[in-house]
Amino acid sequence: MVTITEENWKDALLEFAEGKKYYGEFGKAAESCPYDVRDLPQELAAKECLSWFMFQWVNPATGKTICEEFAENTEIDAGFKAKILRTRQMRQGEFEILGKDGLVLRVKDTESGQVLDAKLSDQSHVGMYSLGRRIRQLIFPWEDGLYHFAGVTRFKESEDEVLARYGLISPKQTMDFYLDQSIGKAESIIIYRHSTVSSIINKYPSGWVDGMCKALGVRERIKDDKVRSIASVLKSGKVTELLGGLPKESGDALHFILERGGVVKYSQLSGKFGDEIGFFWKEHPPKSAVGILRLHGFL
């Protein structure tokens, strides 16, 4: 007898659904499938309808789904059974991919705005689940804080992908390119041993200077005045207070630099601690360890 596990339970459920009890039922029930599968190849259309049949079609004789009957008639522990019974809450929705960690996606329901974590069933085509893409998918809660997907994934083309098919670029891509170029230019500043804090910050873009002012409590309106005030703060006793307020990881990054004489290869630093910085520091202050040091003028 095969032991039912979290890895093979869907295969066991399929075998249960294809057994004598439901033999012939799928053909009749499929006509009631609420999902539009006309745009899908025959094989995928059948898979989508079969998922609905197993998880959502209610047997008139019992008032239960096939999945519920499977859980109640299979030897599995209570905790596992409780997870499987949550499939009764399965629904279809459109989701925007916000993040990815292995097989776990962080997605946002485009209708309700709910953000949740959902796990893919396997590694197949995991590379297609890129950030920013939208998918239409069956989804159900599995355990606290984690959902699972079911059925067929339908990828919705993003604006960038649609434009790319016609050899065009979107306004967002244009802006991203401009900002990347601007950040690259700002980071190409050459620092000499005799360089002053003011001379360096004066070459920063206004988006960075304004963010530093907000972080350091500077309220000047003219850039030259802002730069002088930032330099003044960094030479004052307030530095001790600012250092004490740094997150632990930023403090560790600073120690890493100081232990090496105050100068390290940036690739070593960013590779160890992370250096996301962006361009508009006032509206979107850096949150990475290195970015926070830069925001406060410590790096």
Protein backbone atom coordinates (compact mmCIF):
# COMPACT_ATOMS: atom_id res chain seq x y z
CA MET A 1 0.00 0.00 0.00
CA VAL A 2 1.40 3.39 -1.01
CA THR A 3 1.80 5.93 1.79
CA ILE A 4 0.09 9.24 0.98
CA THR A 5 2.45 12.20 1.41
CA GLU A 6 2.45 15.90 0.57
CA GLU A 7 4.51 15.04 -2.52
CA ASN A 8 2.19 12.40 -4.01
CA TRP A 9 -1.29 13.22 -2.67
CA LYS A 10 -2.47 14.88 -5.89
CA ASP A 11 -1.55 11.75 -7.87
CA ALA A 12 -3.46 9.66 -5.33
CA LEU A 13 -6.42 12.04 -5.59
CA LEU A 14 -6.42 11.70 -9.39
CA GLU A 15 -6.46 7.91 -9.08
CA PHE A 16 -9.34 8.21 -6.60
CA ALA A 17 -11.29 10.49 -8.96
CA GLU A 18 -10.81 8.06 -11.85
CA GLY A 19 -12.06 5.12 -9.79
CA LYS A 20 -15.35 3.25 -10.09
CA LYS A 21 -17.32 5.69 -7.96
CA TYR A 22 -16.80 8.57 -10.36
CA TYR A 23 -16.30 6.65 -13.58
CA GLY A 24 -18.21 8.48 -16.29
CA GLU A 25 -19.11 11.44 -14.06
CA PHE A 26 -16.40 13.74 -15.39
CA GLY A 27 -17.77 13.75 -18.94
CA LYS A 28 -21.17 14.93 -17.72
CA ALA A 29 -19.87 17.36 -15.09
CA ALA A 30 -17.30 19.00 -17.42
CA GLU A 31 -20.12 20.79 -19.22
CA SER A 32 -20.75 22.73 -15.98
CA CYS A 33 -17.13 23.83 -15.54
CA PRO A 34 -17.32 27.61 -14.92
CA TYR A 35 -13.89 28.38 -16.34
CA ASP A 36 -13.48 29.52 -19.92
CA VAL A 37 -11.02 27.08 -21.50
CA ARG A 38 -11.73 27.85 -25.17
CA ASP A 39 -8.34 29.53 -25.61
CA LEU A 40 -6.41 26.56 -24.20
CA PRO A 41 -4.99 23.57 -26.10
CA GLN A 42 -7.14 20.45 -25.63
CA GLU A 43 -4.77 18.85 -23.12
CA LEU A 44 -4.59 21.96 -20.91
CA ALA A 45 -8.33 22.56 -21.19
CA ALA A 46 -8.91 19.03 -19.92
CA LYS A 47 -6.47 19.61 -17.05
CA GLU A 48 -8.24 22.81 -15.99
CA CYS A 49 -11.65 21.11 -16.07
CA LEU A 50 -10.28 18.10 -14.21
CA SER A 51 -8.90 20.35 -11.45
CA TRP A 52 -12.32 21.94 -11.09
CA PHE A 53 -13.95 18.48 -11.07
CA MET A 54 -11.71 17.14 -8.28
CA PHE A 55 -11.56 20.24 -6.10
CA GLN A 56 -14.76 22.19 -6.67
CA TRP A 57 -17.48 20.02 -8.24
CA VAL A 58 -19.88 18.94 -5.51
CA ASN A 59 -21.25 15.40 -5.62
CA PRO A 60 -25.06 15.80 -5.40
CA ALA A 61 -25.31 12.51 -3.51
CA THR A 62 -22.96 13.53 -0.67
CA GLY A 63 -22.78 17.32 -0.79
CA LYS A 64 -19.00 17.03 -0.79
CA THR A 65 -16.21 17.53 -3.29
CA ILE A 66 -14.19 14.59 -4.54
CA CYS A 67 -11.19 15.96 -2.67
CA GLU A 68 -13.15 16.07 0.58
CA GLU A 69 -14.28 12.47 0.11
CA PHE A 70 -10.70 11.47 -0.68
CA ALA A 71 -9.44 13.06 2.54
CA GLU A 72 -12.13 11.40 4.64
CA ASN A 73 -11.66 7.96 3.12
CA THR A 74 -7.85 7.83 3.07
CA GLU A 75 -5.55 6.91 5.94
CA ILE A 76 -3.73 10.18 6.61
CA ASP A 77 -3.01 12.06 9.82
CA ALA A 78 -5.36 14.76 11.06
CA GLY A 79 -2.99 17.66 10.31
CA PHE A 80 -2.50 16.59 6.70
CA LYS A 81 -6.23 15.98 6.31
CA ALA A 82 -6.98 19.51 7.55
CA LYS A 83 -4.70 20.93 4.84
CA ILE A 84 -6.38 18.93 2.09
CA LEU A 85 -9.86 19.95 3.25
CA ARG A 86 -8.88 23.59 2.76
CA THR A 87 -9.14 22.99 -0.98
CA ARG A 88 -12.86 23.70 -0.50
CA GLN A 89 -11.77 27.36 -0.38
CA MET A 90 -10.17 27.13 -3.82
CA ARG A 91 -10.85 30.02 -6.18
CA GLN A 92 -9.54 31.42 -9.41
CA GLY A 93 -7.94 34.84 -9.51
CA GLU A 94 -5.46 37.10 -11.26
CA PHE A 95 -2.22 37.74 -9.41
CA GLU A 96 0.77 40.01 -9.91
CA ILE A 97 4.14 38.48 -8.96
CA LEU A 98 5.91 40.71 -6.43
CA GLY A 99 8.75 38.42 -5.38
CA LYS A 100 10.16 34.90 -5.68
CA ASP A 101 12.10 32.66 -3.31
CA GLY A 102 12.67 29.23 -4.81
CA LEU A 103 9.22 27.75 -5.44
CA VAL A 104 7.43 30.31 -3.27
CA LEU A 105 5.97 33.36 -4.99
CA ARG A 106 4.81 36.52 -3.27
CA VAL A 107 1.77 37.64 -5.23
CA LYS A 108 -0.89 40.33 -5.05
CA ASP A 109 -4.52 39.66 -5.88
CA THR A 110 -5.22 42.32 -8.51
CA GLU A 111 -8.89 42.50 -7.52
CA SER A 112 -8.72 42.61 -3.70
CA GLY A 113 -5.16 43.88 -3.28
CA GLN A 114 -4.38 41.02 -0.86
CA VAL A 115 -0.70 40.05 -0.76
CA LEU A 116 0.07 36.40 -0.05
CA ASP A 117 2.71 33.70 -0.50
CA ALA A 118 1.92 30.78 -2.82
CA LYS A 119 4.00 27.70 -3.59
CA LEU A 120 4.49 26.20 -7.04
CA SER A 121 4.14 22.43 -7.28
CA ASP A 122 7.51 21.83 -8.98
CA GLN A 123 10.44 23.41 -10.81
CA SER A 124 8.82 23.16 -14.25
CA HIS A 125 8.90 26.52 -16.01
CA VAL A 126 9.73 28.31 -12.73
CA GLY A 127 11.77 30.83 -14.75
CA MET A 128 8.58 32.05 -16.43
CA TYR A 129 7.29 33.37 -13.11
CA SER A 130 9.25 36.63 -13.32
CA LEU A 131 8.67 39.71 -11.19
CA GLY A 132 5.91 41.97 -12.43
CA ARG A 133 4.16 39.30 -14.51
CA ARG A 134 0.48 38.63 -14.03
CA ILE A 135 -0.98 35.16 -13.90
CA ARG A 136 -4.50 33.72 -13.76
CA GLN A 137 -4.51 30.67 -11.55
CA LEU A 138 -6.52 28.46 -9.21
CA ILE A 139 -5.32 28.98 -5.65
CA PHE A 140 -6.19 27.63 -2.20
CA PRO A 141 -4.87 27.99 1.39
CA TRP A 142 -2.63 25.11 2.44
CA GLU A 143 -1.19 26.06 5.81
CA ASP A 144 -0.87 29.21 7.88
CA GLY A 145 0.63 31.93 5.69
CA LEU A 146 1.07 29.74 2.61
CA TYR A 147 -1.18 28.99 -0.36
CA HIS A 148 -0.82 26.42 -3.15
CA PHE A 149 -1.63 26.69 -6.84
CA ALA A 150 -3.68 24.21 -8.87
CA GLY A 151 -4.78 23.78 -12.45
CA VAL A 152 -3.30 25.63 -15.42
CA THR A 153 -1.24 28.81 -15.15
CA ARG A 154 -2.23 31.48 -17.66
CA PHE A 155 0.43 34.12 -18.11
CA LYS A 156 -0.79 37.60 -18.96
CA GLU A 157 1.58 39.69 -21.03
CA SER A 158 2.88 42.79 -19.32
CA GLU A 159 2.91 46.17 -21.05
CA ASP A 160 6.67 45.80 -21.58
CA GLU A 161 6.21 42.37 -23.21
CA VAL A 162 3.46 43.60 -25.53
CA LEU A 163 5.58 46.55 -26.64
CA ALA A 164 8.63 44.31 -27.05
CA ARG A 165 6.74 42.19 -29.61
CA TYR A 166 6.51 45.32 -31.75
CA GLY A 167 10.09 46.40 -31.14
CA LEU A 168 9.07 49.22 -28.80
CA ILE A 169 9.99 50.15 -25.23
CA SER A 170 7.66 51.41 -22.52
CA PRO A 171 7.92 54.72 -20.64
CA LYS A 172 8.88 52.72 -17.54
CA GLN A 173 11.78 51.06 -19.37
CA THR A 174 12.91 54.47 -20.62
CA MET A 175 12.78 55.90 -17.10
CA ASP A 176 14.56 52.86 -15.62
CA PHE A 177 17.33 53.25 -18.21
CA TYR A 178 17.65 56.97 -17.44
CA LEU A 179 17.81 56.35 -13.68
CA ASP A 180 20.36 53.55 -14.09
CA GLN A 181 22.50 55.88 -16.21
CA SER A 182 22.13 58.67 -13.63
CA ILE A 183 23.09 56.38 -10.75
CA GLY A 184 26.07 55.08 -12.73
CA LYS A 185 27.21 58.63 -13.38
CA ALA A 186 26.87 59.58 -9.71
CA GLU A 187 28.82 56.50 -8.66
CA SER A 188 31.68 57.30 -11.05
CA ILE A 189 32.85 60.19 -8.86
CA ILE A 190 36.58 59.91 -8.21
CA ILE A 191 37.53 60.39 -4.56
CA TYR A 192 41.04 61.63 -3.73
CA ARG A 193 42.77 61.61 -0.37
CA HIS A 194 42.32 65.37 -0.14
CA SER A 195 38.61 65.27 -1.14
CA THR A 196 36.25 66.86 1.36
CA VAL A 197 32.82 65.64 2.35
CA SER A 198 31.28 68.77 0.83
CA SER A 199 33.07 68.38 -2.49
CA ILE A 200 31.84 64.80 -2.83
CA ILE A 201 28.22 65.38 -1.79
CA ASN A 202 28.05 68.47 -4.01
CA LYS A 203 28.43 66.11 -7.00
CA TYR A 204 25.52 63.94 -5.86
CA PRO A 205 22.19 64.19 -7.76
CA SER A 206 19.51 66.22 -6.01
CA GLY A 207 17.47 63.05 -5.30
CA TRP A 208 20.29 61.77 -3.09
CA VAL A 209 21.02 65.09 -1.40
CA ASP A 210 17.35 65.59 -0.50
CA GLY A 211 17.20 62.09 0.97
CA MET A 212 20.32 62.72 3.06
CA CYS A 213 18.79 65.97 4.34
CA LYS A 214 15.69 64.12 5.48
CA ALA A 215 17.73 61.36 7.17
CA LEU A 216 20.03 63.84 8.93
CA GLY A 217 17.38 66.40 9.86
CA VAL A 218 18.70 69.15 7.55
CA ARG A 219 16.06 71.71 6.48
CA GLU A 220 17.91 74.00 4.04
CA ARG A 221 16.33 74.91 0.68
CA ILE A 222 19.35 75.71 -1.54
CA LYS A 223 21.62 72.85 -2.61
CA ASP A 224 24.84 74.57 -1.55
CA ASP A 225 23.34 75.21 1.88
CA LYS A 226 22.12 71.63 2.08
CA VAL A 227 25.59 70.30 1.29
CA ARG A 228 27.26 72.54 3.89
CA SER A 229 24.71 71.53 6.55
CA ILE A 230 25.12 67.81 5.77
CA ALA A 231 28.90 68.15 6.09
CA SER A 232 28.43 70.05 9.36
CA VAL A 233 26.25 67.30 10.82
CA LEU A 234 28.80 64.63 9.84
CA LYS A 235 31.54 66.56 11.66
CA SER A 236 29.47 67.11 14.80
CA GLY A 237 28.72 65.09 17.90
CA LYS A 238 25.42 64.02 16.33
CA VAL A 239 27.35 61.31 14.48
CA THR A 240 27.46 59.22 17.66
CA GLU A 241 23.66 59.35 17.89
CA LEU A 242 23.31 58.47 14.20
CA LEU A 243 25.69 55.54 14.51
CA GLY A 244 23.74 54.24 17.48
CA GLY A 245 20.56 54.26 15.42
CA LEU A 246 21.93 52.15 12.57
CA PRO A 247 20.46 48.67 11.97
CA LYS A 248 22.79 45.87 13.07
CA GLU A 249 23.60 44.81 9.49
CA SER A 250 24.63 48.37 8.58
CA GLY A 251 26.82 48.49 11.68
CA ASP A 252 28.40 45.19 10.68
CA ALA A 253 29.09 46.59 7.19
CA LEU A 254 30.78 49.65 8.71
CA HIS A 255 32.95 47.47 10.95
CA PHE A 256 33.83 45.36 7.90
CA ILE A 257 35.14 48.50 6.17
CA LEU A 258 36.98 49.91 9.19
CA GLU A 259 38.66 46.59 9.95
CA ARG A 260 40.22 46.82 6.47
CA GLY A 261 41.59 50.29 6.89
CA GLY A 262 38.51 52.21 5.70
CA VAL A 263 38.71 51.12 2.05
CA VAL A 264 37.37 47.90 0.49
CA LYS A 265 36.41 46.74 -2.97
CA TYR A 266 32.78 47.68 -3.48
CA SER A 267 31.99 44.27 -4.98
CA GLN A 268 33.12 42.60 -1.73
CA LEU A 269 30.97 44.95 0.33
CA SER A 270 27.83 44.76 -1.82
CA GLY A 271 28.17 41.00 -2.25
CA LYS A 272 28.29 40.48 1.51
CA PHE A 273 25.74 43.05 2.69
CA GLY A 274 23.57 44.14 -0.27
CA ASP A 275 23.57 47.64 -1.75
CA GLU A 276 20.14 48.51 -3.22
CA ILE A 277 19.99 52.30 -3.35
CA GLY A 278 17.61 53.64 -6.01
CA PHE A 279 17.59 57.29 -7.10
CA PHE A 280 14.92 59.17 -5.13
CA TRP A 281 16.24 58.79 -1.60
CA LYS A 282 13.76 61.20 -0.02
CA GLU A 283 10.67 59.38 -1.28
CA HIS A 284 12.23 55.89 -1.28
CA PRO A 285 15.16 55.80 1.16
CA PRO A 286 17.59 52.89 0.71
CA LYS A 287 16.82 49.91 2.92
CA SER A 288 19.88 47.76 2.28
CA ALA A 289 22.75 47.73 4.79
CA VAL A 290 25.14 49.59 2.48
CA GLY A 291 22.39 51.87 1.18
CA ILE A 292 21.60 53.06 4.72
CA LEU A 293 25.27 53.91 5.31
CA ARG A 294 25.32 55.94 2.11
CA LEU A 295 22.06 57.67 3.00
CA HIS A 296 23.63 58.91 6.25
CA GLY A 297 26.90 59.97 4.64
CA PHE A 298 28.99 57.28 6.30
CA LEU A 299 30.20 55.72 3.06
